[in-house]
Amino acid sequence: MKIDVQGFEDRVIRGGTEAIRHAQWLLLELSVVPLYDHAPSFDELYRLVSSVGFSFAGFTDQLEGRTGEPLQVDAIFRKTSA
């Protein structure tokens, strides 16, 4: 399941927990630096995804700023519990 909702990931995950529980994999676009008002941090989303039964499996892509610093990453999470 891909979740790319421009800073609303936490609300989508909390509201869609039942649907997410059916997924085996999650792909989330996560901001490494604040990009949207009231958007959850990378750490907050990592903890939230872990709390619904997924573990971090790796990155697939990265968006960089002008100086090469990472701004957003596409993170993959694997289901670890029922």
PDB file of N, CA and C in Angstrom:
ATOM      1  N   MET A   1       0.857  -1.165   0.000  1.00  0.00           N
ATOM      2  CA  MET A   1       0.000   0.000   0.000  1.00  0.00           C
ATOM      3  C   MET A   1       0.906   1.231   0.000  1.00  0.00           C
ATOM      4  N   LYS A   2       0.634   2.154  -0.896  1.00  0.00           N
ATOM      5  CA  LYS A   2       1.397   3.396  -0.950  1.00  0.00           C
ATOM      6  C   LYS A   2       0.605   4.505  -0.283  1.00  0.00           C
ATOM      7  N   ILE A   3       1.294   5.250   0.593  1.00  0.00           N
ATOM      8  CA  ILE A   3       0.675   6.386   1.268  1.00  0.00           C
ATOM      9  C   ILE A   3       1.552   7.601   0.993  1.00  0.00           C
ATOM     10  N   ASP A   4       1.045   8.511   0.173  1.00  0.00           N
ATOM     11  CA  ASP A   4       1.765   9.731  -0.202  1.00  0.00           C
ATOM     12  C   ASP A   4       0.752  10.856  -0.189  1.00  0.00           C
ATOM     13  N   VAL A   5       0.602  11.496   0.983  1.00  0.00           N
ATOM     14  CA  VAL A   5      -0.495  12.447   1.167  1.00  0.00           C
ATOM     15  C   VAL A   5      -0.028  13.799   1.716  1.00  0.00           C
ATOM     16  N   GLN A   6       1.187  14.174   1.356  1.00  0.00           N
ATOM     17  CA  GLN A   6       1.705  15.514   1.610  1.00  0.00           C
ATOM     18  C   GLN A   6       1.503  16.017   3.041  1.00  0.00           C
ATOM     19  N   GLY A   7       2.017  15.285   4.013  1.00  0.00           N
ATOM     20  CA  GLY A   7       1.973  15.747   5.394  1.00  0.00           C
ATOM     21  C   GLY A   7       0.797  15.262   6.214  1.00  0.00           C
ATOM     22  N   PHE A   8      -0.079  14.458   5.620  1.00  0.00           N
ATOM     23  CA  PHE A   8      -1.241  13.935   6.344  1.00  0.00           C
ATOM     24  C   PHE A   8      -1.107  12.437   6.637  1.00  0.00           C
ATOM     25  N   GLU A   9       0.107  11.905   6.544  1.00  0.00           N
ATOM     26  CA  GLU A   9       0.315  10.463   6.704  1.00  0.00           C
ATOM     27  C   GLU A   9      -0.198   9.941   8.042  1.00  0.00           C
ATOM     28  N   ASP A  10       0.057  10.660   9.111  1.00  0.00           N
ATOM     29  CA  ASP A  10      -0.384  10.184  10.421  1.00  0.00           C
ATOM     30  C   ASP A  10      -1.897  10.036  10.491  1.00  0.00           C
ATOM     31  N   ARG A  11      -2.620  10.986   9.913  1.00  0.00           N
ATOM     32  CA  ARG A  11      -4.085  10.926   9.941  1.00  0.00           C
ATOM     33  C   ARG A  11      -4.616   9.801   9.061  1.00  0.00           C
ATOM     34  N   VAL A  12      -3.967   9.573   7.930  1.00  0.00           N
ATOM     35  CA  VAL A  12      -4.383   8.476   7.046  1.00  0.00           C
ATOM     36  C   VAL A  12      -4.132   7.135   7.730  1.00  0.00           C
ATOM     37  N   ILE A  13      -2.988   6.993   8.362  1.00  0.00           N
ATOM     38  CA  ILE A  13      -2.667   5.732   9.039  1.00  0.00           C
ATOM     39  C   ILE A  13      -3.627   5.490  10.198  1.00  0.00           C
ATOM     40  N   ARG A  14      -3.875   6.505  11.015  1.00  0.00           N
ATOM     41  CA  ARG A  14      -4.794   6.328  12.150  1.00  0.00           C
ATOM     42  C   ARG A  14      -6.219   6.040  11.675  1.00  0.00           C
ATOM     43  N   GLY A  15      -6.655   6.709  10.632  1.00  0.00           N
ATOM     44  CA  GLY A  15      -8.015   6.512  10.128  1.00  0.00           C
ATOM     45  C   GLY A  15      -8.174   5.259   9.286  1.00  0.00           C
ATOM     46  N   GLY A  16      -7.082   4.754   8.754  1.00  0.00           N
ATOM     47  CA  GLY A  16      -7.153   3.598   7.869  1.00  0.00           C
ATOM     48  C   GLY A  16      -6.505   2.355   8.438  1.00  0.00           C
ATOM     49  N   THR A  17      -6.433   2.270   9.745  1.00  0.00           N
ATOM     50  CA  THR A  17      -5.741   1.153  10.390  1.00  0.00           C
ATOM     51  C   THR A  17      -6.268  -0.199   9.932  1.00  0.00           C
ATOM     52  N   GLU A  18      -7.575  -0.324   9.792  1.00  0.00           N
ATOM     53  CA  GLU A  18      -8.153  -1.608   9.378  1.00  0.00           C
ATOM     54  C   GLU A  18      -7.674  -1.998   7.982  1.00  0.00           C
ATOM     55  N   ALA A  19      -7.676  -1.073   7.056  1.00  0.00           N
ATOM     56  CA  ALA A  19      -7.200  -1.361   5.694  1.00  0.00           C
ATOM     57  C   ALA A  19      -5.704  -1.646   5.693  1.00  0.00           C
ATOM     58  N   ILE A  20      -4.954  -0.881   6.457  1.00  0.00           N
ATOM     59  CA  ILE A  20      -3.498  -1.064   6.521  1.00  0.00           C
ATOM     60  C   ILE A  20      -3.141  -2.435   7.074  1.00  0.00           C
ATOM     61  N   ARG A  21      -3.916  -2.940   7.990  1.00  0.00           N
ATOM     62  CA  ARG A  21      -3.638  -4.270   8.576  1.00  0.00           C
ATOM     63  C   ARG A  21      -3.693  -5.379   7.530  1.00  0.00           C
ATOM     64  N   HIS A  22      -4.371  -5.153   6.411  1.00  0.00           N
ATOM     65  CA  HIS A  22      -4.445  -6.147   5.339  1.00  0.00           C
ATOM     66  C   HIS A  22      -3.245  -6.088   4.402  1.00  0.00           C
ATOM     67  N   ALA A  23      -2.486  -5.017   4.478  1.00  0.00           N
ATOM     68  CA  ALA A  23      -1.314  -4.855   3.604  1.00  0.00           C
ATOM     69  C   ALA A  23      -0.141  -5.668   4.130  1.00  0.00           C
ATOM     70  N   GLN A  24       0.697  -6.127   3.223  1.00  0.00           N
ATOM     71  CA  GLN A  24       1.934  -6.806   3.605  1.00  0.00           C
ATOM     72  C   GLN A  24       3.113  -5.839   3.594  1.00  0.00           C
ATOM     73  N   TRP A  25       2.992  -4.793   2.777  1.00  0.00           N
ATOM     74  CA  TRP A  25       4.047  -3.797   2.621  1.00  0.00           C
ATOM     75  C   TRP A  25       3.432  -2.405   2.620  1.00  0.00           C
ATOM     76  N   LEU A  26       4.162  -1.435   3.156  1.00  0.00           N
ATOM     77  CA  LEU A  26       3.770  -0.031   3.065  1.00  0.00           C
ATOM     78  C   LEU A  26       4.908   0.743   2.416  1.00  0.00           C
ATOM     79  N   LEU A  27       4.561   1.664   1.546  1.00  0.00           N
ATOM     80  CA  LEU A  27       5.517   2.589   0.964  1.00  0.00           C
ATOM     81  C   LEU A  27       5.039   3.986   1.340  1.00  0.00           C
ATOM     82  N   LEU A  28       5.851   4.685   2.118  1.00  0.00           N
ATOM     83  CA  LEU A  28       5.472   6.017   2.584  1.00  0.00           C
ATOM     84  C   LEU A  28       6.497   7.043   2.136  1.00  0.00           C
ATOM     85  N   GLU A  29       6.014   8.185   1.654  1.00  0.00           N
ATOM     86  CA  GLU A  29       6.893   9.315   1.405  1.00  0.00           C
ATOM     87  C   GLU A  29       6.982  10.081   2.716  1.00  0.00           C
ATOM     88  N   LEU A  30       8.182  10.130   3.284  1.00  0.00           N
ATOM     89  CA  LEU A  30       8.393  10.747   4.587  1.00  0.00           C
ATOM     90  C   LEU A  30       9.305  11.948   4.464  1.00  0.00           C
ATOM     91  N   SER A  31       8.950  13.037   5.133  1.00  0.00           N
ATOM     92  CA  SER A  31       9.799  14.230   5.138  1.00  0.00           C
ATOM     93  C   SER A  31      10.871  14.095   6.205  1.00  0.00           C
ATOM     94  N   VAL A  32      12.092  14.383   5.806  1.00  0.00           N
ATOM     95  CA  VAL A  32      13.224  14.362   6.734  1.00  0.00           C
ATOM     96  C   VAL A  32      13.335  15.714   7.438  1.00  0.00           C
ATOM     97  N   VAL A  33      12.926  16.767   6.758  1.00  0.00           N
ATOM     98  CA  VAL A  33      12.882  18.115   7.326  1.00  0.00           C
ATOM     99  C   VAL A  33      11.440  18.608   7.204  1.00  0.00           C
ATOM    100  N   PRO A  34      11.016  19.522   8.070  1.00  0.00           N
ATOM    101  CA  PRO A  34       9.631  20.016   7.979  1.00  0.00           C
ATOM    102  C   PRO A  34       9.361  20.694   6.630  1.00  0.00           C
ATOM    103  N   LEU A  35       8.368  20.201   5.911  1.00  0.00           N
ATOM    104  CA  LEU A  35       7.993  20.769   4.614  1.00  0.00           C
ATOM    105  C   LEU A  35       6.553  21.273   4.592  1.00  0.00           C
ATOM    106  N   TYR A  36       5.703  20.733   5.471  1.00  0.00           N
ATOM    107  CA  TYR A  36       4.279  21.090   5.486  1.00  0.00           C
ATOM    108  C   TYR A  36       3.882  21.468   6.908  1.00  0.00           C
ATOM    109  N   ASP A  37       2.999  22.462   7.052  1.00  0.00           N
ATOM    110  CA  ASP A  37       2.492  22.842   8.372  1.00  0.00           C
ATOM    111  C   ASP A  37       1.803  21.657   9.032  1.00  0.00           C
ATOM    112  N   HIS A  38       2.115  21.434  10.281  1.00  0.00           N
ATOM    113  CA  HIS A  38       1.478  20.410  11.116  1.00  0.00           C
ATOM    114  C   HIS A  38       1.736  18.985  10.634  1.00  0.00           C
ATOM    115  N   ALA A  39       2.706  18.802   9.771  1.00  0.00           N
ATOM    116  CA  ALA A  39       3.029  17.452   9.299  1.00  0.00           C
ATOM    117  C   ALA A  39       3.828  16.719  10.374  1.00  0.00           C
ATOM    118  N   PRO A  40       3.607  15.418  10.507  1.00  0.00           N
ATOM    119  CA  PRO A  40       4.367  14.648  11.496  1.00  0.00           C
ATOM    120  C   PRO A  40       5.826  14.527  11.059  1.00  0.00           C
ATOM    121  N   SER A  41       6.694  14.369  12.044  1.00  0.00           N
ATOM    122  CA  SER A  41       8.114  14.196  11.746  1.00  0.00           C
ATOM    123  C   SER A  41       8.385  12.760  11.285  1.00  0.00           C
ATOM    124  N   PHE A  42       9.544  12.562  10.723  1.00  0.00           N
ATOM    125  CA  PHE A  42       9.977  11.222  10.326  1.00  0.00           C
ATOM    126  C   PHE A  42       9.894  10.278  11.526  1.00  0.00           C
ATOM    127  N   ASP A  43      10.407  10.717  12.673  1.00  0.00           N
ATOM    128  CA  ASP A  43      10.393   9.877  13.883  1.00  0.00           C
ATOM    129  C   ASP A  43       8.978   9.515  14.318  1.00  0.00           C
ATOM    130  N   GLU A  44       8.072  10.475  14.281  1.00  0.00           N
ATOM    131  CA  GLU A  44       6.680  10.205  14.675  1.00  0.00           C
ATOM    132  C   GLU A  44       6.051   9.163  13.756  1.00  0.00           C
ATOM    133  N   LEU A  45       6.275   9.293  12.460  1.00  0.00           N
ATOM    134  CA  LEU A  45       5.700   8.325  11.525  1.00  0.00           C
ATOM    135  C   LEU A  45       6.338   6.954  11.665  1.00  0.00           C
ATOM    136  N   TYR A  46       7.623   6.916  11.904  1.00  0.00           N
ATOM    137  CA  TYR A  46       8.308   5.637  12.115  1.00  0.00           C
ATOM    138  C   TYR A  46       7.685   4.900  13.313  1.00  0.00           C
ATOM    139  N   ARG A  47       7.494   5.619  14.410  1.00  0.00           N
ATOM    140  CA  ARG A  47       6.887   5.009  15.605  1.00  0.00           C
ATOM    141  C   ARG A  47       5.444   4.582  15.335  1.00  0.00           C
ATOM    142  N   LEU A  48       4.683   5.396  14.623  1.00  0.00           N
ATOM    143  CA  LEU A  48       3.288   5.071  14.329  1.00  0.00           C
ATOM    144  C   LEU A  48       3.193   3.818  13.455  1.00  0.00           C
ATOM    145  N   VAL A  49       3.980   3.753  12.405  1.00  0.00           N
ATOM    146  CA  VAL A  49       3.957   2.587  11.519  1.00  0.00           C
ATOM    147  C   VAL A  49       4.391   1.337  12.281  1.00  0.00           C
ATOM    148  N   SER A  50       5.377   1.477  13.147  1.00  0.00           N
ATOM    149  CA  SER A  50       5.808   0.345  13.975  1.00  0.00           C
ATOM    150  C   SER A  50       4.685  -0.116  14.896  1.00  0.00           C
ATOM    151  N   SER A  51       3.913   0.832  15.420  1.00  0.00           N
ATOM    152  CA  SER A  51       2.848   0.491  16.370  1.00  0.00           C
ATOM    153  C   SER A  51       1.688  -0.256  15.715  1.00  0.00           C
ATOM    154  N   VAL A  52       1.558  -0.179  14.382  1.00  0.00           N
ATOM    155  CA  VAL A  52       0.497  -0.913  13.695  1.00  0.00           C
ATOM    156  C   VAL A  52       1.024  -2.187  13.042  1.00  0.00           C
ATOM    157  N   GLY A  53       2.237  -2.621  13.445  1.00  0.00           N
ATOM    158  CA  GLY A  53       2.719  -3.935  13.041  1.00  0.00           C
ATOM    159  C   GLY A  53       3.658  -4.006  11.860  1.00  0.00           C
ATOM    160  N   PHE A  54       4.385  -2.929  11.571  1.00  0.00           N
ATOM    161  CA  PHE A  54       5.314  -2.927  10.449  1.00  0.00           C
ATOM    162  C   PHE A  54       6.715  -2.570  10.918  1.00  0.00           C
ATOM    163  N   SER A  55       7.719  -3.122  10.229  1.00  0.00           N
ATOM    164  CA  SER A  55       9.104  -2.779  10.532  1.00  0.00           C
ATOM    165  C   SER A  55       9.762  -2.188   9.290  1.00  0.00           C
ATOM    166  N   PHE A  56      10.734  -1.338   9.516  1.00  0.00           N
ATOM    167  CA  PHE A  56      11.436  -0.663   8.434  1.00  0.00           C
ATOM    168  C   PHE A  56      12.208  -1.676   7.605  1.00  0.00           C
ATOM    169  N   ALA A  57      12.088  -1.581   6.260  1.00  0.00           N
ATOM    170  CA  ALA A  57      12.774  -2.513   5.361  1.00  0.00           C
ATOM    171  C   ALA A  57      13.770  -1.808   4.437  1.00  0.00           C
ATOM    172  N   GLY A  58      13.693  -0.479   4.295  1.00  0.00           N
ATOM    173  CA  GLY A  58      14.655   0.226   3.458  1.00  0.00           C
ATOM    174  C   GLY A  58      14.065   1.437   2.771  1.00  0.00           C
ATOM    175  N   PHE A  59      14.916   2.099   1.982  1.00  0.00           N
ATOM    176  CA  PHE A  59      14.517   3.271   1.207  1.00  0.00           C
ATOM    177  C   PHE A  59      14.556   2.930  -0.276  1.00  0.00           C
ATOM    178  N   THR A  60      13.670   3.549  -1.061  1.00  0.00           N
ATOM    179  CA  THR A  60      13.702   3.338  -2.503  1.00  0.00           C
ATOM    180  C   THR A  60      14.097   4.590  -3.272  1.00  0.00           C
ATOM    181  N   ASP A  61      13.894   5.752  -2.684  1.00  0.00           N
ATOM    182  CA  ASP A  61      14.166   6.986  -3.401  1.00  0.00           C
ATOM    183  C   ASP A  61      14.371   8.103  -2.394  1.00  0.00           C
ATOM    184  N   GLN A  62      14.997   9.179  -2.857  1.00  0.00           N
ATOM    185  CA  GLN A  62      15.254  10.319  -1.988  1.00  0.00           C
ATOM    186  C   GLN A  62      15.165  11.603  -2.809  1.00  0.00           C
ATOM    187  N   LEU A  63      14.467  12.594  -2.274  1.00  0.00           N
ATOM    188  CA  LEU A  63      14.406  13.915  -2.881  1.00  0.00           C
ATOM    189  C   LEU A  63      15.395  14.795  -2.133  1.00  0.00           C
ATOM    190  N   GLU A  64      16.269  15.448  -2.875  1.00  0.00           N
ATOM    191  CA  GLU A  64      17.304  16.268  -2.253  1.00  0.00           C
ATOM    192  C   GLU A  64      17.076  17.742  -2.533  1.00  0.00           C
ATOM    193  N   GLY A  65      17.533  18.564  -1.596  1.00  0.00           N
ATOM    194  CA  GLY A  65      17.490  20.010  -1.764  1.00  0.00           C
ATOM    195  C   GLY A  65      18.641  20.488  -2.627  1.00  0.00           C
ATOM    196  N   ARG A  66      18.752  21.778  -2.786  1.00  0.00           N
ATOM    197  CA  ARG A  66      19.781  22.360  -3.656  1.00  0.00           C
ATOM    198  C   ARG A  66      21.205  22.035  -3.224  1.00  0.00           C
ATOM    199  N   THR A  67      21.418  21.866  -1.931  1.00  0.00           N
ATOM    200  CA  THR A  67      22.767  21.572  -1.450  1.00  0.00           C
ATOM    201  C   THR A  67      23.011  20.079  -1.266  1.00  0.00           C
ATOM    202  N   GLY A  68      22.060  19.254  -1.680  1.00  0.00           N
ATOM    203  CA  GLY A  68      22.219  17.809  -1.594  1.00  0.00           C
ATOM    204  C   GLY A  68      21.661  17.180  -0.334  1.00  0.00           C
ATOM    205  N   GLU A  69      21.153  18.001   0.579  1.00  0.00           N
ATOM    206  CA  GLU A  69      20.584  17.446   1.809  1.00  0.00           C
ATOM    207  C   GLU A  69      19.264  16.748   1.505  1.00  0.00           C
ATOM    208  N   PRO A  70      19.001  15.623   2.175  1.00  0.00           N
ATOM    209  CA  PRO A  70      17.734  14.925   1.931  1.00  0.00           C
ATOM    210  C   PRO A  70      16.554  15.728   2.484  1.00  0.00           C
ATOM    211  N   LEU A  71      15.495  15.819   1.687  1.00  0.00           N
ATOM    212  CA  LEU A  71      14.268  16.486   2.109  1.00  0.00           C
ATOM    213  C   LEU A  71      13.158  15.478   2.385  1.00  0.00           C
ATOM    214  N   GLN A  72      13.011  14.508   1.478  1.00  0.00           N
ATOM    215  CA  GLN A  72      11.998  13.459   1.615  1.00  0.00           C
ATOM    216  C   GLN A  72      12.606  12.140   1.165  1.00  0.00           C
ATOM    217  N   VAL A  73      12.078  11.067   1.740  1.00  0.00           N
ATOM    218  CA  VAL A  73      12.504   9.728   1.343  1.00  0.00           C
ATOM    219  C   VAL A  73      11.273   8.859   1.144  1.00  0.00           C
ATOM    220  N   ASP A  74      11.371   7.892   0.247  1.00  0.00           N
ATOM    221  CA  ASP A  74      10.347   6.870   0.109  1.00  0.00           C
ATOM    222  C   ASP A  74      10.820   5.689   0.931  1.00  0.00           C
ATOM    223  N   ALA A  75      10.103   5.393   1.996  1.00  0.00           N
ATOM    224  CA  ALA A  75      10.489   4.340   2.932  1.00  0.00           C
ATOM    225  C   ALA A  75       9.567   3.137   2.771  1.00  0.00           C
ATOM    226  N   ILE A  76      10.150   1.956   2.835  1.00  0.00           N
ATOM    227  CA  ILE A  76       9.405   0.700   2.731  1.00  0.00           C
ATOM    228  C   ILE A  76       9.343   0.063   4.113  1.00  0.00           C
ATOM    229  N   PHE A  77       8.141  -0.402   4.472  1.00  0.00           N
ATOM    230  CA  PHE A  77       7.918  -1.094   5.740  1.00  0.00           C
ATOM    231  C   PHE A  77       7.280  -2.446   5.449  1.00  0.00           C
ATOM    232  N   ARG A  78       7.725  -3.481   6.150  1.00  0.00           N
ATOM    233  CA  ARG A  78       7.225  -4.848   5.996  1.00  0.00           C
ATOM    234  C   ARG A  78       6.368  -5.209   7.202  1.00  0.00           C
ATOM    235  N   LYS A  79       5.264  -5.902   6.945  1.00  0.00           N
ATOM    236  CA  LYS A  79       4.386  -6.339   8.025  1.00  0.00           C
ATOM    237  C   LYS A  79       5.118  -7.340   8.901  1.00  0.00           C
ATOM    238  N   THR A  80       5.048  -7.139  10.207  1.00  0.00           N
ATOM    239  CA  THR A  80       5.732  -8.022  11.143  1.00  0.00           C
ATOM    240  C   THR A  80       4.790  -8.731  12.106  1.00  0.00           C
ATOM    241  N   SER A  81       3.540  -8.266  12.170  1.00  0.00           N
ATOM    242  CA  SER A  81       2.588  -8.910  13.085  1.00  0.00           C
ATOM    243  C   SER A  81       1.208  -8.940  12.448  1.00  0.00           C
ATOM    244  N   ALA A  82       0.367  -9.792  12.996  1.00  0.00           N
ATOM    245  CA  ALA A  82      -0.996  -9.952  12.471  1.00  0.00           C
ATOM    246  C   ALA A  82      -1.885  -8.820  12.867  1.00  0.00           C
TER     247      ALA A  82
END
